């Protein structure tokens, strides 16, 4: 039986926490608490898909962090 790689799970949770902290502490924009579960679920699905397309963990982590920073920090509210 093949072991499931949990790297996308941990990287998504870490990136989500970092991006949430930057947007809240740095810009005063907080994500609605009721939106967090569905938002995190969608980020996890996107993370698994992106990880499946990636050849290297470092490339996946960099692209995921850049993508999340663009979505949560760079886009105007």
PDB file of N, CA and C in Angstrom:
ATOM      1  N   UNK A   1       0.839  -1.181   0.000  1.00  0.00           N
ATOM      2  CA  UNK A   1       0.000   0.000   0.000  1.00  0.00           C
ATOM      3  C   UNK A   1       0.885   1.246   0.000  1.00  0.00           C
ATOM      4  N   UNK A   2       0.545   2.183  -0.852  1.00  0.00           N
ATOM      5  CA  UNK A   2       1.345   3.393  -0.985  1.00  0.00           C
ATOM      6  C   UNK A   2       1.031   4.380   0.140  1.00  0.00           C
ATOM      7  N   UNK A   3       2.079   4.943   0.715  1.00  0.00           N
ATOM      8  CA  UNK A   3       1.920   5.909   1.792  1.00  0.00           C
ATOM      9  C   UNK A   3       1.555   7.271   1.205  1.00  0.00           C
ATOM     10  N   UNK A   4       0.600   7.944   1.813  1.00  0.00           N
ATOM     11  CA  UNK A   4       0.162   9.260   1.348  1.00  0.00           C
ATOM     12  C   UNK A   4       1.130  10.316   1.871  1.00  0.00           C
ATOM     13  N   UNK A   5       1.583  11.162   0.969  1.00  0.00           N
ATOM     14  CA  UNK A   5       2.484  12.252   1.334  1.00  0.00           C
ATOM     15  C   UNK A   5       1.648  13.413   1.877  1.00  0.00           C
ATOM     16  N   UNK A   6       1.896  13.813   3.112  1.00  0.00           N
ATOM     17  CA  UNK A   6       1.114  14.869   3.751  1.00  0.00           C
ATOM     18  C   UNK A   6       1.737  16.253   3.612  1.00  0.00           C
ATOM     19  N   UNK A   7       2.754  16.382   2.791  1.00  0.00           N
ATOM     20  CA  UNK A   7       3.404  17.681   2.616  1.00  0.00           C
ATOM     21  C   UNK A   7       2.432  18.774   2.170  1.00  0.00           C
ATOM     22  N   UNK A   8       1.525  18.518   1.212  1.00  0.00           N
ATOM     23  CA  UNK A   8       0.590  19.579   0.814  1.00  0.00           C
ATOM     24  C   UNK A   8      -0.329  20.022   1.951  1.00  0.00           C
ATOM     25  N   UNK A   9      -0.701  19.103   2.816  1.00  0.00           N
ATOM     26  CA  UNK A   9      -1.546  19.456   3.954  1.00  0.00           C
ATOM     27  C   UNK A   9      -0.827  20.422   4.880  1.00  0.00           C
ATOM     28  N   UNK A  10       0.392  20.075   5.272  1.00  0.00           N
ATOM     29  CA  UNK A  10       1.140  20.912   6.210  1.00  0.00           C
ATOM     30  C   UNK A  10       1.539  22.245   5.591  1.00  0.00           C
ATOM     31  N   UNK A  11       1.923  22.235   4.328  1.00  0.00           N
ATOM     32  CA  UNK A  11       2.319  23.493   3.692  1.00  0.00           C
ATOM     33  C   UNK A  11       1.115  24.414   3.511  1.00  0.00           C
ATOM     34  N   UNK A  12      -0.046  23.844   3.201  1.00  0.00           N
ATOM     35  CA  UNK A  12      -1.249  24.662   3.055  1.00  0.00           C
ATOM     36  C   UNK A  12      -1.646  25.281   4.385  1.00  0.00           C
ATOM     37  N   UNK A  13      -1.606  24.496   5.450  1.00  0.00           N
ATOM     38  CA  UNK A  13      -1.946  25.035   6.769  1.00  0.00           C
ATOM     39  C   UNK A  13      -0.970  26.129   7.194  1.00  0.00           C
ATOM     40  N   UNK A  14       0.314  25.910   6.949  1.00  0.00           N
ATOM     41  CA  UNK A  14       1.318  26.911   7.302  1.00  0.00           C
ATOM     42  C   UNK A  14       1.157  28.176   6.460  1.00  0.00           C
ATOM     43  N   UNK A  15       1.007  28.012   5.157  1.00  0.00           N
ATOM     44  CA  UNK A  15       0.825  29.173   4.274  1.00  0.00           C
ATOM     45  C   UNK A  15      -0.441  29.938   4.638  1.00  0.00           C
ATOM     46  N   UNK A  16      -1.513  29.230   4.938  1.00  0.00           N
ATOM     47  CA  UNK A  16      -2.777  29.872   5.300  1.00  0.00           C
ATOM     48  C   UNK A  16      -2.609  30.705   6.568  1.00  0.00           C
ATOM     49  N   UNK A  17      -1.918  30.149   7.552  1.00  0.00           N
ATOM     50  CA  UNK A  17      -1.682  30.888   8.795  1.00  0.00           C
ATOM     51  C   UNK A  17      -0.816  32.117   8.553  1.00  0.00           C
ATOM     52  N   UNK A  18       0.228  31.979   7.748  1.00  0.00           N
ATOM     53  CA  UNK A  18       1.115  33.114   7.448  1.00  0.00           C
ATOM     54  C   UNK A  18       0.362  34.201   6.698  1.00  0.00           C
ATOM     55  N   UNK A  19      -0.373  33.815   5.678  1.00  0.00           N
ATOM     56  CA  UNK A  19      -1.103  34.791   4.865  1.00  0.00           C
ATOM     57  C   UNK A  19      -2.204  35.462   5.681  1.00  0.00           C
ATOM     58  N   UNK A  20      -2.908  34.702   6.497  1.00  0.00           N
ATOM     59  CA  UNK A  20      -3.941  35.277   7.353  1.00  0.00           C
ATOM     60  C   UNK A  20      -3.324  36.281   8.323  1.00  0.00           C
ATOM     61  N   UNK A  21      -2.186  35.905   8.913  1.00  0.00           N
ATOM     62  CA  UNK A  21      -1.509  36.812   9.838  1.00  0.00           C
ATOM     63  C   UNK A  21      -1.024  38.081   9.167  1.00  0.00           C
ATOM     64  N   UNK A  22      -0.457  37.963   7.978  1.00  0.00           N
ATOM     65  CA  UNK A  22       0.030  39.143   7.253  1.00  0.00           C
ATOM     66  C   UNK A  22      -1.129  40.059   6.885  1.00  0.00           C
ATOM     67  N   UNK A  23      -2.217  39.498   6.378  1.00  0.00           N
ATOM     68  CA  UNK A  23      -3.336  40.345   5.975  1.00  0.00           C
ATOM     69  C   UNK A  23      -4.022  40.983   7.181  1.00  0.00           C
ATOM     70  N   UNK A  24      -4.066  40.278   8.303  1.00  0.00           N
ATOM     71  CA  UNK A  24      -4.729  40.821   9.483  1.00  0.00           C
ATOM     72  C   UNK A  24      -3.831  41.810  10.231  1.00  0.00           C
ATOM     73  N   UNK A  25      -2.599  41.402  10.532  1.00  0.00           N
ATOM     74  CA  UNK A  25      -1.702  42.265  11.296  1.00  0.00           C
ATOM     75  C   UNK A  25      -1.106  43.386  10.450  1.00  0.00           C
ATOM     76  N   UNK A  26      -0.788  43.096   9.211  1.00  0.00           N
ATOM     77  CA  UNK A  26      -0.150  44.089   8.359  1.00  0.00           C
ATOM     78  C   UNK A  26      -1.102  45.080   7.732  1.00  0.00           C
ATOM     79  N   UNK A  27      -2.303  44.621   7.386  1.00  0.00           N
ATOM     80  CA  UNK A  27      -3.230  45.475   6.647  1.00  0.00           C
ATOM     81  C   UNK A  27      -4.571  45.669   7.339  1.00  0.00           C
ATOM     82  N   UNK A  28      -4.787  44.986   8.443  1.00  0.00           N
ATOM     83  CA  UNK A  28      -6.035  45.137   9.179  1.00  0.00           C
ATOM     84  C   UNK A  28      -7.232  44.486   8.496  1.00  0.00           C
ATOM     85  N   UNK A  29      -6.983  43.556   7.589  1.00  0.00           N
ATOM     86  CA  UNK A  29      -8.060  42.867   6.875  1.00  0.00           C
ATOM     87  C   UNK A  29      -8.127  41.436   7.392  1.00  0.00           C
ATOM     88  N   UNK A  30      -9.247  41.105   8.014  1.00  0.00           N
ATOM     89  CA  UNK A  30      -9.415  39.756   8.557  1.00  0.00           C
ATOM     90  C   UNK A  30     -10.381  38.962   7.684  1.00  0.00           C
ATOM     91  N   UNK A  31     -10.114  37.691   7.544  1.00  0.00           N
ATOM     92  CA  UNK A  31     -11.004  36.803   6.806  1.00  0.00           C
ATOM     93  C   UNK A  31     -12.182  36.476   7.716  1.00  0.00           C
ATOM     94  N   UNK A  32     -13.395  36.501   7.165  1.00  0.00           N
ATOM     95  CA  UNK A  32     -14.586  36.155   7.943  1.00  0.00           C
ATOM     96  C   UNK A  32     -14.419  34.770   8.550  1.00  0.00           C
ATOM     97  N   UNK A  33     -14.672  34.649   9.834  1.00  0.00           N
ATOM     98  CA  UNK A  33     -14.498  33.360  10.504  1.00  0.00           C
ATOM     99  C   UNK A  33     -15.412  32.282   9.932  1.00  0.00           C
ATOM    100  N   UNK A  34     -16.604  32.653   9.511  1.00  0.00           N
ATOM    101  CA  UNK A  34     -17.511  31.648   8.951  1.00  0.00           C
ATOM    102  C   UNK A  34     -17.065  31.187   7.568  1.00  0.00           C
ATOM    103  N   UNK A  35     -16.184  31.947   6.919  1.00  0.00           N
ATOM    104  CA  UNK A  35     -15.689  31.582   5.591  1.00  0.00           C
ATOM    105  C   UNK A  35     -14.413  30.743   5.655  1.00  0.00           C
ATOM    106  N   UNK A  36     -13.787  30.664   6.820  1.00  0.00           N
ATOM    107  CA  UNK A  36     -12.506  29.968   6.941  1.00  0.00           C
ATOM    108  C   UNK A  36     -12.599  28.481   6.576  1.00  0.00           C
ATOM    109  N   UNK A  37     -13.593  27.714   7.053  1.00  0.00           N
ATOM    110  CA  UNK A  37     -13.603  26.280   6.714  1.00  0.00           C
ATOM    111  C   UNK A  37     -13.682  26.004   5.209  1.00  0.00           C
ATOM    112  N   UNK A  38     -14.582  26.662   4.501  1.00  0.00           N
ATOM    113  CA  UNK A  38     -14.701  26.416   3.063  1.00  0.00           C
ATOM    114  C   UNK A  38     -13.488  26.959   2.324  1.00  0.00           C
ATOM    115  N   UNK A  39     -12.977  28.088   2.776  1.00  0.00           N
ATOM    116  CA  UNK A  39     -11.792  28.683   2.162  1.00  0.00           C
ATOM    117  C   UNK A  39     -10.586  27.761   2.326  1.00  0.00           C
ATOM    118  N   UNK A  40     -10.409  27.241   3.516  1.00  0.00           N
ATOM    119  CA  UNK A  40      -9.295  26.332   3.777  1.00  0.00           C
ATOM    120  C   UNK A  40      -9.456  25.024   2.998  1.00  0.00           C
ATOM    121  N   UNK A  41     -10.676  24.527   2.904  1.00  0.00           N
ATOM    122  CA  UNK A  41     -10.924  23.312   2.131  1.00  0.00           C
ATOM    123  C   UNK A  41     -10.571  23.520   0.656  1.00  0.00           C
ATOM    124  N   UNK A  42     -10.968  24.652   0.095  1.00  0.00           N
ATOM    125  CA  UNK A  42     -10.628  24.944  -1.300  1.00  0.00           C
ATOM    126  C   UNK A  42      -9.123  25.098  -1.486  1.00  0.00           C
ATOM    127  N   UNK A  43      -8.450  25.700  -0.521  1.00  0.00           N
ATOM    128  CA  UNK A  43      -6.993  25.828  -0.599  1.00  0.00           C
ATOM    129  C   UNK A  43      -6.312  24.463  -0.519  1.00  0.00           C
ATOM    130  N   UNK A  44      -6.857  23.571   0.303  1.00  0.00           N
ATOM    131  CA  UNK A  44      -6.300  22.217   0.397  1.00  0.00           C
ATOM    132  C   UNK A  44      -6.472  21.453  -0.917  1.00  0.00           C
ATOM    133  N   UNK A  45      -7.643  21.568  -1.524  1.00  0.00           N
ATOM    134  CA  UNK A  45      -7.875  20.903  -2.812  1.00  0.00           C
ATOM    135  C   UNK A  45      -6.926  21.458  -3.862  1.00  0.00           C
ATOM    136  N   UNK A  46      -6.809  22.779  -3.917  1.00  0.00           N
ATOM    137  CA  UNK A  46      -5.890  23.407  -4.865  1.00  0.00           C
ATOM    138  C   UNK A  46      -4.447  22.987  -4.577  1.00  0.00           C
ATOM    139  N   UNK A  47      -4.098  22.892  -3.307  1.00  0.00           N
ATOM    140  CA  UNK A  47      -2.754  22.465  -2.925  1.00  0.00           C
ATOM    141  C   UNK A  47      -2.444  21.045  -3.378  1.00  0.00           C
ATOM    142  N   UNK A  48      -3.400  20.126  -3.186  1.00  0.00           N
ATOM    143  CA  UNK A  48      -3.185  18.742  -3.624  1.00  0.00           C
ATOM    144  C   UNK A  48      -3.040  18.664  -5.139  1.00  0.00           C
ATOM    145  N   UNK A  49      -3.866  19.429  -5.865  1.00  0.00           N
ATOM    146  CA  UNK A  49      -3.769  19.430  -7.333  1.00  0.00           C
ATOM    147  C   UNK A  49      -2.432  19.996  -7.795  1.00  0.00           C
ATOM    148  N   UNK A  50      -2.034  21.102  -7.203  1.00  0.00           N
ATOM    149  CA  UNK A  50      -0.765  21.725  -7.563  1.00  0.00           C
ATOM    150  C   UNK A  50       0.410  20.814  -7.212  1.00  0.00           C
ATOM    151  N   UNK A  51       0.321  20.141  -6.076  1.00  0.00           N
ATOM    152  CA  UNK A  51       1.384  19.220  -5.666  1.00  0.00           C
ATOM    153  C   UNK A  51       1.489  18.038  -6.629  1.00  0.00           C
ATOM    154  N   UNK A  52       0.354  17.587  -7.109  1.00  0.00           N
ATOM    155  CA  UNK A  52       0.362  16.493  -8.072  1.00  0.00           C
ATOM    156  C   UNK A  52       1.032  16.868  -9.389  1.00  0.00           C
ATOM    157  N   UNK A  53       1.013  18.142  -9.726  1.00  0.00           N
ATOM    158  CA  UNK A  53       1.640  18.615 -10.959  1.00  0.00           C
ATOM    159  C   UNK A  53       3.103  19.005 -10.774  1.00  0.00           C
ATOM    160  N   UNK A  54       3.532  19.130  -9.531  1.00  0.00           N
ATOM    161  CA  UNK A  54       4.889  19.601  -9.251  1.00  0.00           C
ATOM    162  C   UNK A  54       5.883  18.450  -9.229  1.00  0.00           C
ATOM    163  N   UNK A  55       7.108  18.755  -9.608  1.00  0.00           N
ATOM    164  CA  UNK A  55       8.174  17.753  -9.548  1.00  0.00           C
ATOM    165  C   UNK A  55       8.992  17.871  -8.271  1.00  0.00           C
ATOM    166  N   UNK A  56       9.079  19.070  -7.737  1.00  0.00           N
ATOM    167  CA  UNK A  56       9.899  19.315  -6.553  1.00  0.00           C
ATOM    168  C   UNK A  56       9.059  19.973  -5.461  1.00  0.00           C
ATOM    169  N   UNK A  57       9.354  19.599  -4.228  1.00  0.00           N
ATOM    170  CA  UNK A  57       8.629  20.187  -3.102  1.00  0.00           C
ATOM    171  C   UNK A  57       8.876  21.684  -2.977  1.00  0.00           C
ATOM    172  N   UNK A  58      10.121  22.112  -3.179  1.00  0.00           N
ATOM    173  CA  UNK A  58      10.436  23.531  -3.024  1.00  0.00           C
ATOM    174  C   UNK A  58       9.688  24.362  -4.064  1.00  0.00           C
ATOM    175  N   UNK A  59       9.545  23.845  -5.278  1.00  0.00           N
ATOM    176  CA  UNK A  59       8.817  24.575  -6.322  1.00  0.00           C
ATOM    177  C   UNK A  59       7.335  24.659  -5.970  1.00  0.00           C
ATOM    178  N   UNK A  60       6.791  23.566  -5.476  1.00  0.00           N
ATOM    179  CA  UNK A  60       5.390  23.565  -5.057  1.00  0.00           C
ATOM    180  C   UNK A  60       5.155  24.573  -3.944  1.00  0.00           C
ATOM    181  N   UNK A  61       6.010  24.546  -2.927  1.00  0.00           N
ATOM    182  CA  UNK A  61       5.843  25.449  -1.789  1.00  0.00           C
ATOM    183  C   UNK A  61       5.971  26.911  -2.217  1.00  0.00           C
ATOM    184  N   UNK A  62       6.903  27.208  -3.102  1.00  0.00           N
ATOM    185  CA  UNK A  62       7.084  28.584  -3.572  1.00  0.00           C
ATOM    186  C   UNK A  62       5.876  29.058  -4.373  1.00  0.00           C
ATOM    187  N   UNK A  63       5.406  28.237  -5.290  1.00  0.00           N
ATOM    188  CA  UNK A  63       4.247  28.619  -6.110  1.00  0.00           C
ATOM    189  C   UNK A  63       2.997  28.746  -5.247  1.00  0.00           C
ATOM    190  N   UNK A  64       2.825  27.850  -4.306  1.00  0.00           N
ATOM    191  CA  UNK A  64       1.663  27.911  -3.429  1.00  0.00           C
ATOM    192  C   UNK A  64       1.678  29.181  -2.581  1.00  0.00           C
ATOM    193  N   UNK A  65       2.820  29.518  -2.014  1.00  0.00           N
ATOM    194  CA  UNK A  65       2.910  30.718  -1.194  1.00  0.00           C
ATOM    195  C   UNK A  65       2.683  31.975  -2.030  1.00  0.00           C
ATOM    196  N   UNK A  66       3.268  32.038  -3.205  1.00  0.00           N
ATOM    197  CA  UNK A  66       3.070  33.198  -4.081  1.00  0.00           C
ATOM    198  C   UNK A  66       1.599  33.323  -4.472  1.00  0.00           C
ATOM    199  N   UNK A  67       0.981  32.213  -4.826  1.00  0.00           N
ATOM    200  CA  UNK A  67      -0.428  32.229  -5.210  1.00  0.00           C
ATOM    201  C   UNK A  67      -1.313  32.705  -4.058  1.00  0.00           C
ATOM    202  N   UNK A  68      -1.061  32.192  -2.857  1.00  0.00           N
ATOM    203  CA  UNK A  68      -1.871  32.589  -1.709  1.00  0.00           C
ATOM    204  C   UNK A  68      -1.631  34.045  -1.332  1.00  0.00           C
ATOM    205  N   UNK A  69      -0.391  34.506  -1.426  1.00  0.00           N
ATOM    206  CA  UNK A  69      -0.105  35.916  -1.132  1.00  0.00           C
ATOM    207  C   UNK A  69      -0.823  36.824  -2.129  1.00  0.00           C
ATOM    208  N   UNK A  70      -0.851  36.428  -3.389  1.00  0.00           N
ATOM    209  CA  UNK A  70      -1.569  37.222  -4.386  1.00  0.00           C
ATOM    210  C   UNK A  70      -3.064  37.262  -4.089  1.00  0.00           C
ATOM    211  N   UNK A  71      -3.631  36.130  -3.720  1.00  0.00           N
ATOM    212  CA  UNK A  71      -5.067  36.080  -3.454  1.00  0.00           C
ATOM    213  C   UNK A  71      -5.476  36.851  -2.205  1.00  0.00           C
ATOM    214  N   UNK A  72      -4.699  36.724  -1.143  1.00  0.00           N
ATOM    215  CA  UNK A  72      -5.132  37.267   0.138  1.00  0.00           C
ATOM    216  C   UNK A  72      -4.519  38.611   0.502  1.00  0.00           C
ATOM    217  N   UNK A  73      -3.359  38.921  -0.024  1.00  0.00           N
ATOM    218  CA  UNK A  73      -2.678  40.150   0.386  1.00  0.00           C
ATOM    219  C   UNK A  73      -2.672  41.188  -0.729  1.00  0.00           C
ATOM    220  N   UNK A  74      -2.354  40.781  -1.939  1.00  0.00           N
ATOM    221  CA  UNK A  74      -2.172  41.745  -3.018  1.00  0.00           C
ATOM    222  C   UNK A  74      -3.483  42.236  -3.624  1.00  0.00           C
ATOM    223  N   UNK A  75      -4.509  41.406  -3.635  1.00  0.00           N
ATOM    224  CA  UNK A  75      -5.773  41.831  -4.228  1.00  0.00           C
ATOM    225  C   UNK A  75      -6.503  42.779  -3.291  1.00  0.00           C
ATOM    226  N   UNK A  76      -7.061  43.841  -3.827  1.00  0.00           N
ATOM    227  CA  UNK A  76      -7.794  44.788  -2.972  1.00  0.00           C
ATOM    228  C   UNK A  76      -9.078  44.166  -2.445  1.00  0.00           C
ATOM    229  N   UNK A  77      -9.479  44.610  -1.298  1.00  0.00           N
ATOM    230  CA  UNK A  77     -10.709  44.110  -0.670  1.00  0.00           C
ATOM    231  C   UNK A  77     -11.858  45.007  -1.021  1.00  0.00           C
TER     232      UNK A  77
END
